[in-house]
Amino acid sequence: MTEKALTSRIKALIAFRALFITLLLGSAFLFKVSYLGSPHPKLISYFIIALYVLTIIYSLLMSRIKNLFLFGYIQLLLDVIAEICLIFMTGGIESVFSFTLILTVLSSSIVLNKRAGYIIASLSSIFYGILLNLQFYKMLPIEYEGIMEVKQFLFNIFTHIVSLYITAYLAGYLSYSLEKTVQKLEERNSSLKDLEFFNTKVIESLPSGLFTTDIKGSVLIFNHAAELISGSKKEAVIGSPINTALPFLPHPPERGKYESVLAANTEQEKIVGLNITELRDISENKTGFIGVFQDLTEKKKLESEIKNKEKWAAIGELSANIAHEIRNPLASLKGSIEMLKEGKLPEKHKERMMDIALSEMERLNNTISDFLTYSSPKPLEIQPVDLHSILDSTLELLKNTEHKSEISIKKDYEGQLLVHADPEKIRQVFWNLGVNAFEAMKDGGVLTVSTKSTPQRVSISFSDTGSGIAQSTINKIFYPFFTTKERGTGLGLAIAYRIVEEHNGRLVVTSKPGIKTTFEIILMH
């Protein structure tokens, strides 16, 4: 038991004693109630005065006594003696105040401990037994009505002793249980305080801004990082709507991700990224909102710098690829024209040089056309289209290519495939993927074109049984001018990828080298 708790209990004992004297003894004497049974009323008045004085002395000594435990024992012992005196003055065995001994035993167990209860019960039993023995043998001037035998005195003493010890046991047990409960509560309270302190430190130490609000959006927690990012002081924000610190948020808050420019209360504009989720209690009831936000200004600047560097790097690589793709046919064209200019070639060689020149000019024209298509796409002309119809016409054209005898086309359509898209650009995607599949199957194979439709999206897959794509290059195949073919421009797949992106779709590739490759177009309804 702590000193503070013991002090509170002893003070309560003093107050209870004063109240008991006032209500029971004082009022009985004041109204001259006859059950006091004392032939000396003045003696009773002196007794009451003595108890009041003793109570006052106890009160004055409380702040000066160091050994409170001993002080409590002394008070209880003097209470027992005072009660024995009261019983003596009010008739001994016939006194109605013998119950006060039980009150003292009860008080000792509650104020001090279980052991004190047994000690006070033993002292009370001894003093009460001595008093009744002296009364029975007429060694004290206490009269009683009628004739009482020894067994009546013994029974009275026995019942009082049993009552005192039972009270000591029950009060001690309850007091011990209460003390253990209080101790556990104090330990839990201490743990909760430590946990609260720890949580507070953790929240205040977070590098990200954190706030919590109630259902209405009034701020409950606003950590130090939140103050630094928002420029608002915690004292001004707590209890106010969250949009006083973060004006771009709705009131009350709504769950979701937010990104906005924060200019109020800050020296310079900040880009703030914020995520709000619902706050729930143990029973999963919604109690408010919790938000975590960060200053993304430096991150955005860095991303912008990286994008610029990547952009210029891509432009440099693209320029090098264009130069390479143009230089090769120009070199062939120049060589052919120079040989023709000399006029020394036989007629059949002249025709061949002319064919080479025309072929390289065509190749150059195709490269430039593909590049213009990739770099300067025309605006989409969106309209309802039947993808199965476009697939059928595209596949029919593919059958008439030079590989038609070695490659078979298998269709696996599912239901209707109506979407809003640009039909000519989608046709170009299908053509590029079909040509790419045919070129991958030099020794023949099977091209399987399958479609699937769900309420949310449609997918079109081109799956070939060609040589496949190596894992080292699969991430580069959509780069412009990247090709593994001898005469490829490297723009076919890049153009297909851009067109699908323009339709807010995705073009996904999976490949097992030597087995098959699948290109899947995913478009949202």
Protein backbone atom coordinates (compact mmCIF):
# COMPACT_ATOMS: atom_id res chain seq x y z
CA MET A 1 0.00 0.00 0.00
CA THR A 2 1.34 3.42 -0.91
CA GLU A 3 1.81 6.18 1.65
CA LYS A 4 -0.71 8.33 -0.19
CA ALA A 5 -3.38 5.62 -0.02
CA LEU A 6 -2.68 4.96 3.70
CA THR A 7 -2.94 8.68 4.46
CA SER A 8 -6.31 8.86 2.70
CA ARG A 9 -7.61 5.84 4.64
CA ILE A 10 -6.50 7.17 8.03
CA LYS A 11 -8.13 10.51 7.25
CA ALA A 12 -11.32 8.65 6.34
CA LEU A 13 -11.11 6.76 9.67
CA ILE A 14 -10.83 10.03 11.62
CA ALA A 15 -13.78 11.51 9.73
CA PHE A 16 -15.90 8.40 10.27
CA ARG A 17 -15.09 8.46 14.00
CA ALA A 18 -16.16 12.10 14.30
CA LEU A 19 -19.36 11.39 12.37
CA PHE A 20 -20.15 8.34 14.54
CA ILE A 21 -19.65 10.29 17.77
CA THR A 22 -21.83 13.13 16.52
CA LEU A 23 -24.69 11.05 15.13
CA LEU A 24 -24.90 8.24 17.66
CA LEU A 25 -23.48 9.21 20.98
CA GLY A 26 -23.87 12.99 20.71
CA SER A 27 -27.46 12.88 19.52
CA ALA A 28 -28.41 10.26 22.13
CA PHE A 29 -26.97 12.38 24.92
CA LEU A 30 -28.48 15.59 23.50
CA PHE A 31 -31.97 14.16 23.37
CA LYS A 32 -31.43 12.26 26.68
CA VAL A 33 -32.25 8.87 25.18
CA SER A 34 -32.59 6.40 28.06
CA TYR A 35 -30.98 3.42 26.29
CA LEU A 36 -27.56 4.78 27.13
CA GLY A 37 -28.32 3.17 30.47
CA SER A 38 -25.64 5.00 32.43
CA PRO A 39 -26.38 6.24 35.96
CA HIS A 40 -23.77 8.96 35.40
CA PRO A 41 -24.83 11.26 32.52
CA LYS A 42 -21.96 13.62 33.25
CA LEU A 43 -19.52 10.79 32.77
CA ILE A 44 -21.02 10.18 29.31
CA SER A 45 -20.64 13.87 28.44
CA TYR A 46 -17.01 13.84 29.55
CA PHE A 47 -16.51 10.69 27.50
CA ILE A 48 -17.93 12.33 24.38
CA ILE A 49 -15.83 15.45 24.91
CA ALA A 50 -12.73 13.28 25.35
CA LEU A 51 -13.45 11.50 22.06
CA TYR A 52 -13.87 14.82 20.21
CA VAL A 53 -10.62 16.12 21.66
CA LEU A 54 -8.86 12.90 20.70
CA THR A 55 -10.21 13.21 17.15
CA ILE A 56 -8.92 16.78 16.91
CA ILE A 57 -5.49 15.64 18.15
CA TYR A 58 -5.43 12.91 15.51
CA SER A 59 -6.20 15.48 12.83
CA LEU A 60 -3.45 17.82 14.00
CA LEU A 61 -0.87 15.02 14.14
CA MET A 62 -1.60 13.70 10.64
CA SER A 63 0.85 16.03 8.90
CA ARG A 64 3.62 15.44 11.46
CA ILE A 65 3.53 11.68 11.91
CA LYS A 66 6.08 9.78 9.79
CA ASN A 67 5.09 6.23 10.74
CA LEU A 68 1.48 6.26 9.58
CA PHE A 69 1.08 2.51 9.99
CA LEU A 70 1.90 2.70 13.72
CA PHE A 71 -0.29 5.79 14.03
CA GLY A 72 -3.20 3.79 12.59
CA TYR A 73 -2.63 0.93 15.04
CA ILE A 74 -2.60 3.36 17.99
CA GLN A 75 -5.88 4.94 16.88
CA LEU A 76 -7.59 1.56 16.52
CA LEU A 77 -6.28 0.35 19.87
CA LEU A 78 -7.57 3.50 21.59
CA ASP A 79 -10.89 2.98 19.78
CA VAL A 80 -11.16 -0.52 21.27
CA ILE A 81 -10.40 0.83 24.76
CA ALA A 82 -12.94 3.64 24.29
CA GLU A 83 -15.58 1.13 23.17
CA ILE A 84 -14.91 -1.14 26.17
CA CYS A 85 -15.32 1.92 28.39
CA LEU A 86 -18.60 2.79 26.62
CA ILE A 87 -19.85 -0.77 27.09
CA PHE A 88 -18.84 -0.59 30.78
CA MET A 89 -20.74 2.71 31.22
CA THR A 90 -23.87 1.44 29.45
CA GLY A 91 -24.46 -1.87 31.23
CA GLY A 92 -21.71 -4.34 30.30
CA ILE A 93 -23.42 -7.51 29.09
CA GLU A 94 -26.67 -5.58 28.57
CA SER A 95 -25.04 -2.72 26.62
CA VAL A 96 -26.27 -2.12 23.08
CA PHE A 97 -22.89 -0.67 22.07
CA SER A 98 -20.98 -3.95 21.86
CA PHE A 99 -21.47 -3.78 18.07
CA THR A 100 -18.96 -0.92 17.98
CA LEU A 101 -16.19 -3.51 18.45
CA ILE A 102 -17.23 -5.10 15.14
CA LEU A 103 -17.04 -1.68 13.47
CA THR A 104 -13.48 -1.22 14.74
CA VAL A 105 -12.42 -4.68 13.48
CA LEU A 106 -13.97 -3.83 10.14
CA SER A 107 -12.15 -0.47 10.06
CA SER A 108 -8.79 -2.06 10.91
CA SER A 109 -9.06 -4.52 8.00
CA ILE A 110 -10.00 -1.78 5.57
CA VAL A 111 -7.62 0.94 6.77
CA LEU A 112 -4.54 -1.20 7.48
CA ASN A 113 -4.64 -4.83 6.33
CA LYS A 114 -5.96 -8.31 7.02
CA ARG A 115 -3.44 -8.91 9.79
CA ALA A 116 -4.52 -5.74 11.60
CA GLY A 117 -8.10 -7.01 11.51
CA TYR A 118 -7.12 -10.22 13.34
CA ILE A 119 -5.03 -8.30 15.90
CA ILE A 120 -7.86 -5.85 16.71
CA ALA A 121 -10.35 -8.76 16.83
CA SER A 122 -8.10 -10.56 19.36
CA LEU A 123 -7.67 -7.44 21.53
CA SER A 124 -11.40 -6.73 21.42
CA SER A 125 -12.19 -10.34 22.40
CA ILE A 126 -9.74 -10.24 25.30
CA PHE A 127 -10.92 -6.86 26.64
CA TYR A 128 -14.59 -7.74 26.23
CA GLY A 129 -14.11 -11.13 27.90
CA ILE A 130 -12.24 -9.51 30.83
CA LEU A 131 -15.00 -6.91 31.23
CA LEU A 132 -17.78 -9.50 31.35
CA ASN A 133 -15.81 -11.72 33.72
CA LEU A 134 -15.26 -8.81 36.11
CA GLN A 135 -18.96 -7.94 35.84
CA PHE A 136 -20.02 -11.52 36.54
CA TYR A 137 -17.82 -11.79 39.63
CA LYS A 138 -19.05 -8.33 40.72
CA MET A 139 -15.57 -6.91 40.70
CA LEU A 140 -16.94 -3.93 38.76
CA PRO A 141 -19.96 -1.88 39.86
CA ILE A 142 -22.14 -2.87 36.87
CA GLU A 143 -25.66 -3.98 37.64
CA TYR A 144 -27.77 -6.10 35.32
CA GLU A 145 -31.43 -7.10 35.42
CA GLY A 146 -32.48 -10.55 36.59
CA ILE A 147 -30.28 -13.49 37.39
CA MET A 148 -27.71 -14.62 34.83
CA GLU A 149 -25.84 -17.86 35.00
CA VAL A 150 -22.29 -18.55 33.96
CA LYS A 151 -23.32 -20.14 30.68
CA GLN A 152 -25.20 -16.99 29.65
CA PHE A 153 -22.05 -14.92 30.17
CA LEU A 154 -19.93 -17.52 28.38
CA PHE A 155 -22.37 -17.73 25.47
CA ASN A 156 -22.37 -13.95 25.16
CA ILE A 157 -18.58 -13.85 25.17
CA PHE A 158 -18.40 -16.74 22.67
CA THR A 159 -20.85 -15.17 20.20
CA HIS A 160 -19.00 -11.87 20.35
CA ILE A 161 -15.61 -13.52 19.78
CA VAL A 162 -16.94 -15.55 16.83
CA SER A 163 -18.56 -12.43 15.36
CA LEU A 164 -15.35 -10.45 15.74
CA TYR A 165 -13.18 -13.08 14.03
CA ILE A 166 -15.69 -13.72 11.23
CA THR A 167 -15.81 -9.98 10.63
CA ALA A 168 -11.99 -9.87 10.64
CA TYR A 169 -11.84 -12.73 8.10
CA LEU A 170 -14.49 -11.40 5.73
CA ALA A 171 -13.29 -7.80 5.96
CA GLY A 172 -9.69 -8.91 5.55
CA TYR A 173 -10.53 -11.00 2.50
CA LEU A 174 -12.51 -8.20 0.89
CA SER A 175 -9.84 -5.65 1.81
CA TYR A 176 -7.09 -7.86 0.37
CA SER A 177 -9.08 -8.44 -2.84
CA LEU A 178 -9.81 -4.74 -3.13
CA GLU A 179 -6.17 -3.87 -2.54
CA LYS A 180 -5.04 -6.34 -5.23
CA THR A 181 -7.65 -4.96 -7.60
CA VAL A 182 -6.54 -1.40 -6.91
CA GLN A 183 -2.91 -2.46 -7.39
CA LYS A 184 -3.71 -4.09 -10.74
CA LEU A 185 -5.67 -1.02 -11.80
CA GLU A 186 -2.76 1.21 -10.83
CA GLU A 187 -0.37 -1.01 -12.78
CA ARG A 188 -2.68 -0.92 -15.80
CA ASN A 189 -3.10 2.80 -15.40
CA SER A 190 0.66 3.14 -15.29
CA SER A 191 1.00 0.92 -18.36
CA LEU A 192 -1.68 2.92 -20.15
CA LYS A 193 0.13 6.14 -19.28
CA ASP A 194 3.40 4.67 -20.55
CA LEU A 195 1.66 3.48 -23.71
CA GLU A 196 0.00 6.85 -24.16
CA PHE A 197 3.35 8.56 -23.68
CA PHE A 198 4.99 6.15 -26.13
CA ASN A 199 2.21 6.66 -28.70
CA THR A 200 2.48 10.41 -28.31
CA LYS A 201 6.24 10.28 -28.82
CA VAL A 202 5.87 8.01 -31.84
CA ILE A 203 3.19 10.23 -33.39
CA GLU A 204 5.21 13.38 -32.74
CA SER A 205 8.37 11.76 -34.13
CA LEU A 206 6.80 10.69 -37.44
CA PRO A 207 8.37 12.42 -40.45
CA SER A 208 4.95 12.51 -42.13
CA GLY A 209 2.12 14.78 -41.08
CA LEU A 210 -0.63 12.93 -39.20
CA PHE A 211 -4.04 14.04 -37.99
CA THR A 212 -7.21 12.45 -36.67
CA THR A 213 -10.69 13.90 -36.62
CA ASP A 214 -14.10 12.98 -35.26
CA ILE A 215 -17.05 12.15 -37.51
CA LYS A 216 -17.80 15.84 -38.07
CA GLY A 217 -14.22 16.59 -39.13
CA SER A 218 -13.02 18.40 -35.99
CA VAL A 219 -9.30 17.80 -35.39
CA LEU A 220 -8.32 15.63 -32.40
CA ILE A 221 -4.62 14.96 -33.09
CA PHE A 222 -2.21 17.11 -35.14
CA ASN A 223 1.45 16.09 -34.89
CA HIS A 224 4.62 18.17 -35.14
CA ALA A 225 5.32 17.24 -38.79
CA ALA A 226 1.75 18.31 -39.66
CA GLU A 227 2.50 21.73 -38.15
CA LEU A 228 5.70 22.10 -40.20
CA ILE A 229 4.09 21.04 -43.48
CA SER A 230 0.83 22.98 -43.13
CA GLY A 231 2.31 26.03 -41.35
CA SER A 232 -0.57 25.90 -38.82
CA LYS A 233 -0.04 25.69 -35.07
CA LYS A 234 -1.49 22.72 -33.22
CA GLU A 235 -3.24 24.97 -30.68
CA ALA A 236 -5.13 26.75 -33.45
CA VAL A 237 -6.09 23.55 -35.29
CA ILE A 238 -7.21 21.23 -32.45
CA GLY A 239 -11.00 21.33 -32.21
CA SER A 240 -11.36 23.16 -35.53
CA PRO A 241 -12.36 21.68 -38.92
CA ILE A 242 -9.41 20.07 -40.69
CA ASN A 243 -9.85 22.32 -43.74
CA THR A 244 -8.66 25.28 -41.65
CA ALA A 245 -5.17 23.78 -41.92
CA LEU A 246 -5.62 21.93 -45.23
CA PRO A 247 -8.10 24.02 -47.26
CA PHE A 248 -8.23 21.63 -50.21
CA LEU A 249 -9.97 18.93 -48.11
CA PRO A 250 -13.77 18.59 -48.03
CA HIS A 251 -15.65 19.07 -44.76
CA PRO A 252 -16.37 16.61 -43.28
CA PRO A 253 -13.44 14.60 -44.70
CA GLU A 254 -13.93 11.77 -47.17
CA ARG A 255 -11.67 8.75 -47.54
CA GLY A 256 -9.36 8.75 -50.52
CA LYS A 257 -6.12 10.12 -51.92
CA TYR A 258 -5.56 13.82 -52.45
CA GLU A 259 -2.80 15.87 -54.04
CA SER A 260 -2.94 19.64 -54.08
CA VAL A 261 -0.92 22.83 -53.82
CA LEU A 262 -0.87 24.37 -50.33
CA ALA A 263 -0.18 28.11 -50.28
CA ALA A 264 -1.95 29.39 -47.13
CA ASN A 265 0.10 29.71 -43.91
CA THR A 266 3.33 28.75 -45.73
CA GLU A 267 6.24 30.84 -46.97
CA GLN A 268 6.13 29.20 -50.39
CA GLU A 269 3.78 26.92 -52.26
CA LYS A 270 3.99 23.25 -51.35
CA ILE A 271 2.70 20.21 -53.16
CA VAL A 272 1.02 18.01 -50.56
CA GLY A 273 0.06 14.36 -51.03
CA LEU A 274 -2.49 13.05 -48.55
CA ASN A 275 -4.29 9.77 -47.83
CA ILE A 276 -7.40 9.64 -45.63
CA THR A 277 -8.92 6.46 -44.21
CA GLU A 278 -11.74 5.82 -41.76
CA LEU A 279 -10.93 5.45 -38.06
CA ARG A 280 -12.81 2.61 -36.32
CA ASP A 281 -13.05 1.35 -32.75
CA ILE A 282 -12.75 -2.24 -31.49
CA SER A 283 -16.38 -2.92 -32.48
CA GLU A 284 -15.65 -1.70 -36.05
CA ASN A 285 -17.86 1.36 -35.51
CA LYS A 286 -16.77 4.42 -37.46
CA THR A 287 -15.42 7.02 -35.01
CA GLY A 288 -13.71 9.48 -37.33
CA PHE A 289 -10.92 9.83 -39.88
CA ILE A 290 -7.13 9.53 -39.89
CA GLY A 291 -4.98 11.28 -42.46
CA VAL A 292 -1.30 10.98 -43.33
CA PHE A 293 0.31 13.54 -45.61
CA GLN A 294 3.73 14.52 -46.93
CA ASP A 295 5.40 17.48 -48.55
CA LEU A 296 5.99 16.27 -52.12
CA THR A 297 7.54 19.51 -53.40
CA GLU A 298 11.14 18.29 -53.52
CA LYS A 299 10.05 14.88 -54.75
CA LYS A 300 8.08 16.45 -57.61
CA LYS A 301 11.04 18.67 -58.54
CA LEU A 302 13.32 15.64 -58.58
CA GLU A 303 10.83 13.66 -60.66
CA SER A 304 10.56 16.56 -63.10
CA GLU A 305 14.36 16.72 -63.42
CA ILE A 306 14.56 12.97 -63.96
CA LYS A 307 11.79 13.11 -66.57
CA ASN A 308 13.60 15.91 -68.40
CA LYS A 309 16.84 13.91 -68.37
CA GLU A 310 15.01 10.81 -69.58
CA LYS A 311 13.28 12.89 -72.22
CA TRP A 312 16.54 14.29 -73.59
CA ALA A 313 18.16 10.86 -73.36
CA ALA A 314 15.23 9.38 -75.30
CA ILE A 315 15.46 12.15 -77.89
CA GLY A 316 19.19 11.46 -78.28
CA GLU A 317 18.63 7.72 -78.64
CA LEU A 318 15.74 8.30 -81.02
CA SER A 319 17.85 10.66 -83.13
CA ALA A 320 20.64 8.09 -83.28
CA ASN A 321 18.19 5.38 -84.33
CA ILE A 322 16.61 7.61 -86.98
CA ALA A 323 20.04 8.50 -88.33
CA HIS A 324 20.96 4.82 -88.43
CA GLU A 325 17.71 3.81 -90.14
CA ILE A 326 18.07 6.58 -92.73
CA ARG A 327 21.83 6.24 -93.28
CA ASN A 328 21.66 2.57 -94.31
CA PRO A 329 19.23 2.93 -97.23
CA LEU A 330 20.90 6.22 -98.23
CA ALA A 331 24.27 4.44 -98.39
CA SER A 332 22.80 1.71 -100.60
CA LEU A 333 21.02 4.31 -102.73
CA LYS A 334 24.20 6.39 -103.13
CA GLY A 335 26.26 3.35 -104.10
CA SER A 336 23.72 2.24 -106.70
CA ILE A 337 23.43 5.72 -108.26
CA GLU A 338 27.22 6.14 -108.42
CA MET A 339 27.62 2.82 -110.23
CA LEU A 340 24.85 3.76 -112.66
CA LYS A 341 26.47 7.17 -113.24
CA GLU A 342 29.72 5.56 -114.39
CA GLY A 343 27.82 3.80 -117.19
CA LYS A 344 30.19 0.82 -117.27
CA LEU A 345 27.69 -1.78 -115.99
CA PRO A 346 26.08 -4.36 -118.22
CA GLU A 347 22.41 -3.88 -118.93
CA LYS A 348 21.24 -6.61 -116.57
CA HIS A 349 23.36 -5.17 -113.71
CA LYS A 350 21.88 -1.73 -114.39
CA GLU A 351 18.39 -3.12 -113.88
CA ARG A 352 19.47 -4.76 -110.64
CA MET A 353 21.02 -1.50 -109.37
CA MET A 354 17.78 0.29 -110.23
CA ASP A 355 15.77 -2.31 -108.29
CA ILE A 356 18.07 -1.87 -105.29
CA ALA A 357 17.74 1.91 -105.47
CA LEU A 358 13.94 1.73 -105.68
CA SER A 359 13.81 -0.81 -102.84
CA GLU A 360 15.94 1.36 -100.57
CA MET A 361 13.86 4.41 -101.44
CA GLU A 362 10.73 2.48 -100.49
CA ARG A 363 12.37 1.35 -97.27
CA LEU A 364 13.37 4.95 -96.50
CA ASN A 365 9.85 6.15 -97.22
CA ASN A 366 8.33 3.47 -94.95
CA THR A 367 10.70 4.37 -92.12
CA ILE A 368 9.84 8.06 -92.35
CA SER A 369 6.09 7.29 -92.62
CA ASP A 370 6.19 5.02 -89.58
CA PHE A 371 8.14 7.58 -87.61
CA LEU A 372 5.65 10.32 -88.48
CA THR A 373 2.80 8.04 -87.45
CA TYR A 374 4.50 7.37 -84.12
CA SER A 375 5.67 10.89 -83.34
CA SER A 376 2.65 12.86 -84.62
CA PRO A 377 -0.44 10.74 -84.05
CA LYS A 378 -3.71 12.00 -85.48
CA PRO A 379 -6.58 12.75 -83.04
CA LEU A 380 -8.80 9.77 -82.30
CA GLU A 381 -12.11 9.48 -84.13
CA ILE A 382 -14.08 7.56 -81.54
CA GLN A 383 -17.21 5.70 -82.67
CA PRO A 384 -18.96 2.41 -81.88
CA VAL A 385 -17.10 -0.42 -83.61
CA ASP A 386 -17.42 -4.18 -83.88
CA LEU A 387 -13.93 -5.51 -83.12
CA HIS A 388 -14.76 -8.94 -84.53
CA SER A 389 -15.52 -7.37 -87.93
CA ILE A 390 -12.20 -5.48 -87.92
CA LEU A 391 -10.35 -8.63 -86.84
CA ASP A 392 -11.92 -10.68 -89.65
CA SER A 393 -10.95 -8.18 -92.36
CA THR A 394 -7.41 -7.83 -90.95
CA LEU A 395 -6.87 -11.57 -90.72
CA GLU A 396 -8.17 -11.98 -94.27
CA LEU A 397 -5.48 -9.58 -95.48
CA LEU A 398 -2.84 -11.44 -93.49
CA LYS A 399 -3.76 -14.68 -95.23
CA ASN A 400 -2.69 -13.15 -98.53
CA THR A 401 0.85 -12.41 -97.38
CA GLU A 402 3.89 -14.36 -98.52
CA HIS A 403 3.66 -16.74 -95.51
CA LYS A 404 0.10 -17.81 -96.17
CA SER A 405 0.94 -21.43 -97.03
CA GLU A 406 3.01 -22.18 -93.95
CA ILE A 407 0.90 -20.40 -91.30
CA SER A 408 -2.67 -21.21 -90.25
CA ILE A 409 -4.95 -18.80 -88.43
CA LYS A 410 -7.28 -19.99 -85.68
CA LYS A 411 -10.12 -17.83 -84.32
CA ASP A 412 -11.55 -18.18 -80.81
CA TYR A 413 -14.16 -15.43 -80.44
CA GLU A 414 -16.43 -14.96 -77.43
CA GLY A 415 -19.81 -13.25 -77.92
CA GLN A 416 -20.10 -9.74 -79.32
CA LEU A 417 -17.24 -7.28 -79.00
CA LEU A 418 -18.68 -3.77 -79.34
CA VAL A 419 -16.56 -0.90 -78.02
CA HIS A 420 -16.06 2.83 -78.60
CA ALA A 421 -12.76 3.27 -80.47
CA ASP A 422 -11.06 4.65 -83.58
CA PRO A 423 -11.60 1.82 -86.13
CA GLU A 424 -8.66 2.70 -88.39
CA LYS A 425 -6.16 2.93 -85.55
CA ILE A 426 -7.42 -0.30 -83.96
CA ARG A 427 -7.11 -1.94 -87.38
CA GLN A 428 -3.48 -0.77 -87.51
CA VAL A 429 -2.84 -2.34 -84.06
CA PHE A 430 -4.27 -5.66 -85.25
CA TRP A 431 -2.25 -5.50 -88.48
CA ASN A 432 1.02 -4.71 -86.68
CA LEU A 433 0.52 -7.52 -84.17
CA GLY A 434 -0.47 -9.96 -86.93
CA VAL A 435 2.54 -9.08 -89.09
CA ASN A 436 4.81 -9.36 -86.04
CA ALA A 437 3.39 -12.83 -85.32
CA PHE A 438 3.83 -13.96 -88.94
CA GLU A 439 7.43 -12.73 -89.00
CA ALA A 440 8.13 -14.64 -85.75
CA MET A 441 7.01 -17.91 -87.39
CA LYS A 442 9.54 -18.21 -90.25
CA ASP A 443 9.11 -21.97 -90.43
CA GLY A 444 5.33 -21.85 -90.20
CA GLY A 445 3.00 -22.26 -87.25
CA VAL A 446 -0.38 -21.30 -85.83
CA LEU A 447 -1.66 -17.82 -85.04
CA THR A 448 -4.53 -17.98 -82.55
CA VAL A 449 -6.67 -14.85 -82.19
CA SER A 450 -9.01 -15.00 -79.20
CA THR A 451 -11.37 -12.49 -77.63
CA LYS A 452 -13.04 -12.21 -74.22
CA SER A 453 -15.62 -9.78 -72.90
CA THR A 454 -16.66 -8.85 -69.35
CA PRO A 455 -18.93 -6.02 -68.12
CA GLN A 456 -15.81 -3.96 -67.35
CA ARG A 457 -13.44 -4.70 -70.24
CA VAL A 458 -12.64 -6.58 -73.44
CA SER A 459 -9.42 -8.36 -74.35
CA ILE A 460 -8.01 -9.43 -77.71
CA SER A 461 -5.08 -11.87 -77.77
CA PHE A 462 -2.65 -12.66 -80.60
CA SER A 463 -0.81 -15.88 -79.74
CA ASP A 464 1.80 -17.33 -82.09
CA THR A 465 3.91 -20.50 -81.99
CA GLY A 466 7.07 -18.76 -83.13
CA SER A 467 10.54 -18.49 -81.67
CA GLY A 468 9.46 -16.36 -78.72
CA ILE A 469 11.13 -13.36 -77.12
CA ALA A 470 14.17 -13.57 -74.84
CA GLN A 471 13.65 -12.34 -71.28
CA SER A 472 16.57 -9.94 -71.71
CA THR A 473 14.76 -8.03 -74.47
CA ILE A 474 11.06 -8.43 -73.60
CA ASN A 475 11.03 -5.12 -71.66
CA LYS A 476 12.43 -3.21 -74.68
CA ILE A 477 10.17 -4.43 -77.50
CA PHE A 478 7.84 -1.41 -77.25
CA TYR A 479 10.72 1.08 -77.52
CA PRO A 480 10.77 2.94 -80.87
CA PHE A 481 13.36 1.60 -83.35
CA PHE A 482 14.10 -1.44 -81.18
CA THR A 483 14.11 -4.54 -83.36
CA THR A 484 15.76 -7.94 -83.58
CA LYS A 485 14.88 -8.39 -87.27
CA GLU A 486 17.25 -7.77 -90.17
CA ARG A 487 14.99 -5.36 -92.06
CA GLY A 488 12.57 -4.24 -89.35
CA THR A 489 12.11 -0.55 -88.47
CA GLY A 490 11.34 -1.24 -84.81
CA LEU A 491 8.25 1.00 -84.93
CA GLY A 492 5.44 -1.53 -85.45
CA LEU A 493 5.03 -2.56 -81.82
CA ALA A 494 5.81 0.97 -80.58
CA ILE A 495 2.97 2.36 -82.72
CA ALA A 496 0.59 -0.40 -81.52
CA TYR A 497 1.51 0.34 -77.90
CA ARG A 498 0.89 4.09 -78.33
CA ILE A 499 -2.49 3.57 -80.02
CA VAL A 500 -3.67 1.24 -77.22
CA GLU A 501 -2.54 3.79 -74.63
CA GLU A 502 -4.47 6.51 -76.48
CA HIS A 503 -7.58 4.35 -75.98
CA ASN A 504 -6.79 4.17 -72.21
CA GLY A 505 -5.99 0.50 -72.60
CA ARG A 506 -3.03 -1.78 -72.02
CA LEU A 507 -0.88 -3.92 -74.29
CA VAL A 508 0.65 -6.84 -72.41
CA VAL A 509 3.14 -9.40 -73.68
CA THR A 510 4.04 -12.85 -72.31
CA SER A 511 6.50 -15.18 -73.97
CA LYS A 512 8.02 -18.63 -73.57
CA PRO A 513 11.07 -18.76 -75.84
CA GLY A 514 10.77 -21.56 -78.40
CA ILE A 515 7.12 -22.24 -77.52
CA LYS A 516 4.82 -19.25 -77.96
CA THR A 517 4.32 -15.51 -77.56
CA THR A 518 1.04 -13.79 -76.65
CA PHE A 519 0.17 -10.12 -77.06
CA GLU A 520 -3.02 -9.15 -75.19
CA ILE A 521 -4.89 -5.91 -75.84
CA ILE A 522 -7.07 -4.82 -72.91
CA LEU A 523 -9.67 -2.10 -73.53
CA MET A 524 -12.18 -0.78 -71.00
CA HIS A 525 -15.87 -0.48 -71.89
